C-alpha cells in the first residue's frame, strides 16, 4: 500500500521516513519529494509498505504525531488523475492586434 505523508519538516530525509514507518512493518520505499531546481524538500513524501495491515497500523500510529517538530498527515495515497500533466496551457496570442484605421 502506498501512503502519502504530508506536513514534513524540511529536515526530514528518506531514511527518517523509513525508520519511522519501519516500526510498523516492512517498508518497500520511502521518498521525500524535493524541488527539481533547488533540491529542497517540498514538505511531503510517499512511503510504500508491503502489507496493507502494516500500512493501516502506520496510518493509525503516525497520523497527527510529531516528527522533527511537525505533526504528520498520513493517509492512503490517491492515484493521480488521468490526463493531468500539471502544466497549464493556453492558446498563444496572435501577433497582430486590431488597430483603428
N, C-alpha and C. Protein backbone atom coordinates (compact mmCIF):
# COMPACT_ATOMS: atom_id res chain seq x y z
N UNK A 1 0.86 -1.17 0.00
CA UNK A 1 0.00 0.00 0.00
C UNK A 1 0.90 1.24 0.00
N UNK A 2 0.53 2.22 -0.81
CA UNK A 2 1.28 3.46 -0.91
C UNK A 2 0.64 4.51 -0.02
N UNK A 3 1.45 5.15 0.83
CA UNK A 3 0.96 6.14 1.77
C UNK A 3 1.49 7.53 1.44
N UNK A 4 0.63 8.52 1.58
CA UNK A 4 1.03 9.92 1.45
C UNK A 4 1.38 10.42 2.84
N UNK A 5 2.50 11.13 2.94
CA UNK A 5 2.93 11.70 4.22
C UNK A 5 3.14 13.20 4.01
N UNK A 6 2.29 14.00 4.64
CA UNK A 6 2.37 15.44 4.47
C UNK A 6 2.81 16.15 5.74
N UNK A 7 3.06 17.45 5.60
CA UNK A 7 3.48 18.33 6.68
C UNK A 7 4.84 17.93 7.24
N UNK A 8 5.73 17.50 6.34
CA UNK A 8 7.07 17.11 6.76
C UNK A 8 7.93 18.35 7.02
N UNK A 9 8.79 18.22 7.99
CA UNK A 9 9.81 19.24 8.23
C UNK A 9 10.76 19.21 7.03
N UNK A 10 11.33 20.36 6.70
CA UNK A 10 12.28 20.40 5.58
C UNK A 10 13.56 19.63 5.90
N UNK A 11 13.75 19.26 7.16
CA UNK A 11 14.93 18.49 7.58
C UNK A 11 14.73 16.98 7.41
N UNK A 12 13.50 16.53 7.24
CA UNK A 12 13.20 15.10 7.18
C UNK A 12 13.79 14.48 5.92
N UNK A 13 14.43 13.34 6.08
CA UNK A 13 15.06 12.62 4.97
C UNK A 13 14.30 11.33 4.66
N UNK A 14 14.66 10.71 3.54
CA UNK A 14 14.10 9.41 3.18
C UNK A 14 14.34 8.41 4.30
N UNK A 15 15.54 8.43 4.87
CA UNK A 15 15.90 7.50 5.94
C UNK A 15 15.05 7.73 7.18
N UNK A 16 14.76 8.99 7.50
CA UNK A 16 13.89 9.29 8.65
C UNK A 16 12.51 8.66 8.46
N UNK A 17 11.96 8.78 7.25
CA UNK A 17 10.65 8.17 6.96
C UNK A 17 10.73 6.66 7.08
N UNK A 18 11.78 6.09 6.52
CA UNK A 18 11.94 4.63 6.55
C UNK A 18 11.98 4.13 8.00
N UNK A 19 12.70 4.85 8.86
CA UNK A 19 12.81 4.44 10.27
C UNK A 19 11.47 4.60 11.00
N UNK A 20 10.79 5.72 10.79
CA UNK A 20 9.52 5.96 11.48
C UNK A 20 8.47 4.92 11.10
N UNK A 21 8.36 4.64 9.81
CA UNK A 21 7.35 3.69 9.34
C UNK A 21 7.79 2.25 9.54
N UNK A 22 9.09 2.02 9.62
CA UNK A 22 9.62 0.68 9.80
C UNK A 22 9.22 0.05 11.12
N UNK A 23 8.88 0.87 12.09
CA UNK A 23 8.44 0.30 13.37
C UNK A 23 7.05 -0.33 13.27
N UNK A 24 6.37 -0.13 12.14
CA UNK A 24 5.03 -0.70 11.94
C UNK A 24 5.05 -1.87 10.95
N UNK A 25 6.17 -2.08 10.28
CA UNK A 25 6.26 -3.18 9.33
C UNK A 25 7.34 -2.92 8.29
N UNK A 26 7.35 -3.77 7.27
CA UNK A 26 8.38 -3.69 6.24
C UNK A 26 8.07 -2.56 5.26
N UNK A 27 9.05 -1.68 5.07
CA UNK A 27 8.92 -0.53 4.16
C UNK A 27 9.62 -0.88 2.85
N UNK A 28 8.87 -0.83 1.75
CA UNK A 28 9.45 -1.10 0.43
C UNK A 28 10.24 0.09 -0.08
N UNK A 29 9.66 1.29 0.12
CA UNK A 29 10.34 2.52 -0.29
C UNK A 29 9.84 3.68 0.55
N UNK A 30 10.70 4.67 0.69
CA UNK A 30 10.35 5.88 1.42
C UNK A 30 11.05 7.04 0.71
N UNK A 31 10.26 8.01 0.25
CA UNK A 31 10.80 9.10 -0.54
C UNK A 31 10.23 10.43 -0.12
N UNK A 32 11.11 11.37 0.21
CA UNK A 32 10.71 12.75 0.44
C UNK A 32 10.79 13.44 -0.92
N UNK A 33 9.72 14.10 -1.33
CA UNK A 33 9.69 14.77 -2.63
C UNK A 33 10.44 16.10 -2.53
N UNK A 34 11.33 16.32 -3.49
CA UNK A 34 12.13 17.54 -3.48
C UNK A 34 11.88 18.37 -4.73
N UNK A 35 12.15 19.65 -4.62
CA UNK A 35 12.04 20.57 -5.73
C UNK A 35 13.14 20.27 -6.73
N UNK A 36 12.81 20.21 -8.00
CA UNK A 36 13.80 19.88 -9.03
C UNK A 36 14.92 20.90 -9.12
N UNK A 37 14.57 22.16 -8.96
CA UNK A 37 15.57 23.21 -9.16
C UNK A 37 16.45 23.43 -7.93
N UNK A 38 15.86 23.40 -6.74
CA UNK A 38 16.62 23.72 -5.53
C UNK A 38 17.08 22.49 -4.76
N UNK A 39 16.43 21.35 -4.97
CA UNK A 39 16.75 20.14 -4.23
C UNK A 39 16.19 20.15 -2.82
N UNK A 40 15.47 21.19 -2.46
CA UNK A 40 14.89 21.32 -1.13
C UNK A 40 13.58 20.53 -1.05
N UNK A 41 13.31 20.00 0.14
CA UNK A 41 12.08 19.24 0.36
C UNK A 41 10.87 20.10 0.06
N UNK A 42 9.84 19.46 -0.49
CA UNK A 42 8.58 20.16 -0.76
C UNK A 42 7.59 19.94 0.39
N UNK A 43 8.02 19.25 1.45
CA UNK A 43 7.19 19.11 2.63
C UNK A 43 6.25 17.92 2.62
N UNK A 44 6.44 17.01 1.66
CA UNK A 44 5.63 15.79 1.64
C UNK A 44 6.42 14.66 1.02
N UNK A 45 5.91 13.46 1.20
CA UNK A 45 6.59 12.30 0.64
C UNK A 45 5.65 11.12 0.54
N UNK A 46 6.22 9.99 0.15
CA UNK A 46 5.45 8.77 -0.02
C UNK A 46 6.21 7.61 0.60
N UNK A 47 5.46 6.72 1.24
CA UNK A 47 6.03 5.51 1.83
C UNK A 47 5.22 4.35 1.30
N UNK A 48 5.91 3.33 0.80
CA UNK A 48 5.23 2.14 0.33
C UNK A 48 5.54 1.00 1.29
N UNK A 49 4.47 0.37 1.76
CA UNK A 49 4.61 -0.76 2.68
C UNK A 49 4.06 -2.02 2.03
N UNK A 50 4.68 -3.15 2.33
CA UNK A 50 4.31 -4.41 1.68
C UNK A 50 2.93 -4.92 2.07
N UNK A 51 2.58 -4.80 3.34
CA UNK A 51 1.32 -5.38 3.83
C UNK A 51 0.32 -4.28 4.16
N UNK A 52 -0.90 -4.44 3.69
CA UNK A 52 -1.95 -3.45 3.96
C UNK A 52 -2.19 -3.27 5.45
N UNK A 53 -2.16 -4.36 6.21
CA UNK A 53 -2.41 -4.27 7.65
C UNK A 53 -1.33 -3.43 8.33
N UNK A 54 -0.09 -3.60 7.89
CA UNK A 54 1.01 -2.81 8.45
C UNK A 54 0.87 -1.34 8.07
N UNK A 55 0.44 -1.08 6.85
CA UNK A 55 0.25 0.30 6.40
C UNK A 55 -0.86 0.97 7.19
N UNK A 56 -1.94 0.24 7.42
CA UNK A 56 -3.04 0.81 8.21
C UNK A 56 -2.61 1.08 9.65
N UNK A 57 -1.78 0.21 10.21
CA UNK A 57 -1.24 0.42 11.55
C UNK A 57 -0.36 1.67 11.58
N UNK A 58 0.41 1.88 10.51
CA UNK A 58 1.26 3.07 10.43
C UNK A 58 0.42 4.34 10.34
N UNK A 59 -0.67 4.28 9.58
CA UNK A 59 -1.58 5.44 9.49
C UNK A 59 -2.11 5.76 10.89
N UNK A 60 -2.61 4.74 11.57
CA UNK A 60 -3.16 4.94 12.92
C UNK A 60 -2.10 5.44 13.89
N UNK A 61 -0.89 4.91 13.77
CA UNK A 61 0.16 5.23 14.72
C UNK A 61 0.89 6.54 14.47
N UNK A 62 0.91 7.00 13.22
CA UNK A 62 1.72 8.18 12.90
C UNK A 62 0.92 9.42 12.49
N UNK A 63 -0.33 9.26 12.07
CA UNK A 63 -1.12 10.43 11.68
C UNK A 63 -1.28 11.36 12.88
N UNK A 64 -0.98 12.62 12.68
CA UNK A 64 -1.05 13.67 13.71
C UNK A 64 0.01 13.52 14.80
N UNK A 65 1.03 12.67 14.57
CA UNK A 65 2.13 12.52 15.52
C UNK A 65 3.32 13.35 15.02
N UNK A 66 4.12 13.85 15.96
CA UNK A 66 5.23 14.73 15.63
C UNK A 66 6.45 13.96 15.12
N UNK A 67 7.05 14.50 14.08
CA UNK A 67 8.34 14.05 13.57
C UNK A 67 9.12 15.32 13.22
N UNK A 68 10.25 15.50 13.87
CA UNK A 68 11.06 16.72 13.70
C UNK A 68 10.25 17.99 13.97
N UNK A 69 9.38 17.91 14.97
CA UNK A 69 8.64 19.10 15.40
C UNK A 69 7.40 19.43 14.59
N UNK A 70 7.01 18.59 13.65
CA UNK A 70 5.81 18.83 12.84
C UNK A 70 4.87 17.64 12.96
N UNK A 71 3.56 17.91 13.08
CA UNK A 71 2.58 16.83 13.14
C UNK A 71 2.31 16.32 11.73
N UNK A 72 2.59 15.04 11.53
CA UNK A 72 2.45 14.42 10.21
C UNK A 72 0.99 14.26 9.82
N UNK A 73 0.75 14.28 8.54
CA UNK A 73 -0.53 13.90 7.94
C UNK A 73 -0.25 12.63 7.15
N UNK A 74 -0.84 11.53 7.58
CA UNK A 74 -0.58 10.25 6.92
C UNK A 74 -1.90 9.64 6.49
N UNK A 75 -2.00 9.31 5.20
CA UNK A 75 -3.18 8.62 4.70
C UNK A 75 -2.81 7.83 3.45
N UNK A 76 -3.75 7.04 2.99
CA UNK A 76 -3.51 6.26 1.79
C UNK A 76 -3.39 7.20 0.60
N UNK A 77 -2.34 6.99 -0.19
CA UNK A 77 -2.12 7.85 -1.36
C UNK A 77 -3.19 7.60 -2.40
N UNK A 78 -3.66 8.65 -3.01
CA UNK A 78 -4.66 8.55 -4.07
C UNK A 78 -3.94 8.52 -5.41
N UNK A 79 -4.42 7.71 -6.34
CA UNK A 79 -3.77 7.67 -7.66
C UNK A 79 -3.94 9.01 -8.37
N UNK A 80 -2.97 9.32 -9.20
CA UNK A 80 -3.05 10.55 -9.98
C UNK A 80 -4.21 10.47 -10.95
N UNK A 81 -4.82 11.62 -11.18
CA UNK A 81 -5.92 11.67 -12.14
C UNK A 81 -5.35 11.55 -13.55
N UNK A 82 -6.00 10.76 -14.37
CA UNK A 82 -5.56 10.60 -15.75
C UNK A 82 -5.72 11.91 -16.50
N UNK A 83 -4.77 12.22 -17.32
CA UNK A 83 -4.87 13.41 -18.16
C UNK A 83 -4.34 14.67 -17.51
N UNK A 84 -3.97 14.60 -16.23
CA UNK A 84 -3.43 15.80 -15.59
C UNK A 84 -1.92 15.75 -15.69
N UNK A 85 -1.36 16.67 -16.44
CA UNK A 85 0.09 16.69 -16.56
C UNK A 85 0.71 17.72 -15.65
N UNK A 86 -0.10 18.56 -15.03
CA UNK A 86 0.42 19.56 -14.12
C UNK A 86 0.77 20.86 -14.81
N UNK A 87 0.86 20.85 -16.10
CA UNK A 87 1.22 22.07 -16.81
C UNK A 87 -0.03 22.81 -17.26
N UNK A 88 0.05 24.08 -17.21
CA UNK A 88 -1.07 24.87 -17.71
C UNK A 88 -0.84 25.13 -19.17
N UNK A 89 -1.86 25.25 -19.88
CA UNK A 89 -1.69 25.55 -21.29
C UNK A 89 -2.75 26.53 -21.70
N UNK A 90 -2.43 27.27 -22.64
CA UNK A 90 -3.40 28.23 -23.14
C UNK A 90 -3.09 28.52 -24.58
N UNK A 91 -4.02 29.09 -25.22
CA UNK A 91 -3.78 29.45 -26.61
C UNK A 91 -2.84 30.63 -26.65
N UNK A 92 -1.91 30.57 -27.56
CA UNK A 92 -0.99 31.68 -27.70
C UNK A 92 -1.69 32.87 -28.34
N UNK A 93 -1.21 34.02 -28.01
CA UNK A 93 -1.80 35.23 -28.57
C UNK A 93 -1.35 35.45 -30.02
N UNK A 94 -2.16 36.11 -30.75
CA UNK A 94 -1.80 36.42 -32.13
C UNK A 94 -0.80 37.57 -32.19
N UNK A 95 -0.12 37.68 -33.29
CA UNK A 95 0.88 38.71 -33.42
C UNK A 95 0.30 40.06 -33.79
N UNK A 96 -0.83 40.11 -34.44
CA UNK A 96 -1.38 41.39 -34.87
C UNK A 96 -2.62 41.75 -34.08
N UNK A 97 -2.68 42.95 -33.69
CA UNK A 97 -3.86 43.41 -33.00
C UNK A 97 -4.78 44.10 -33.98
N UNK A 98 -5.95 44.39 -33.59
CA UNK A 98 -6.88 45.13 -34.44
C UNK A 98 -6.74 46.60 -34.13
N UNK A 99 -6.18 47.29 -35.01
CA UNK A 99 -5.99 48.72 -34.79
C UNK A 99 -7.08 49.53 -35.44
N UNK A 100 -7.08 50.80 -35.16
CA UNK A 100 -8.03 51.71 -35.82
C UNK A 100 -7.44 52.19 -37.12
N UNK A 101 -8.30 52.42 -38.04
CA UNK A 101 -7.84 52.88 -39.36
C UNK A 101 -7.96 54.34 -39.45
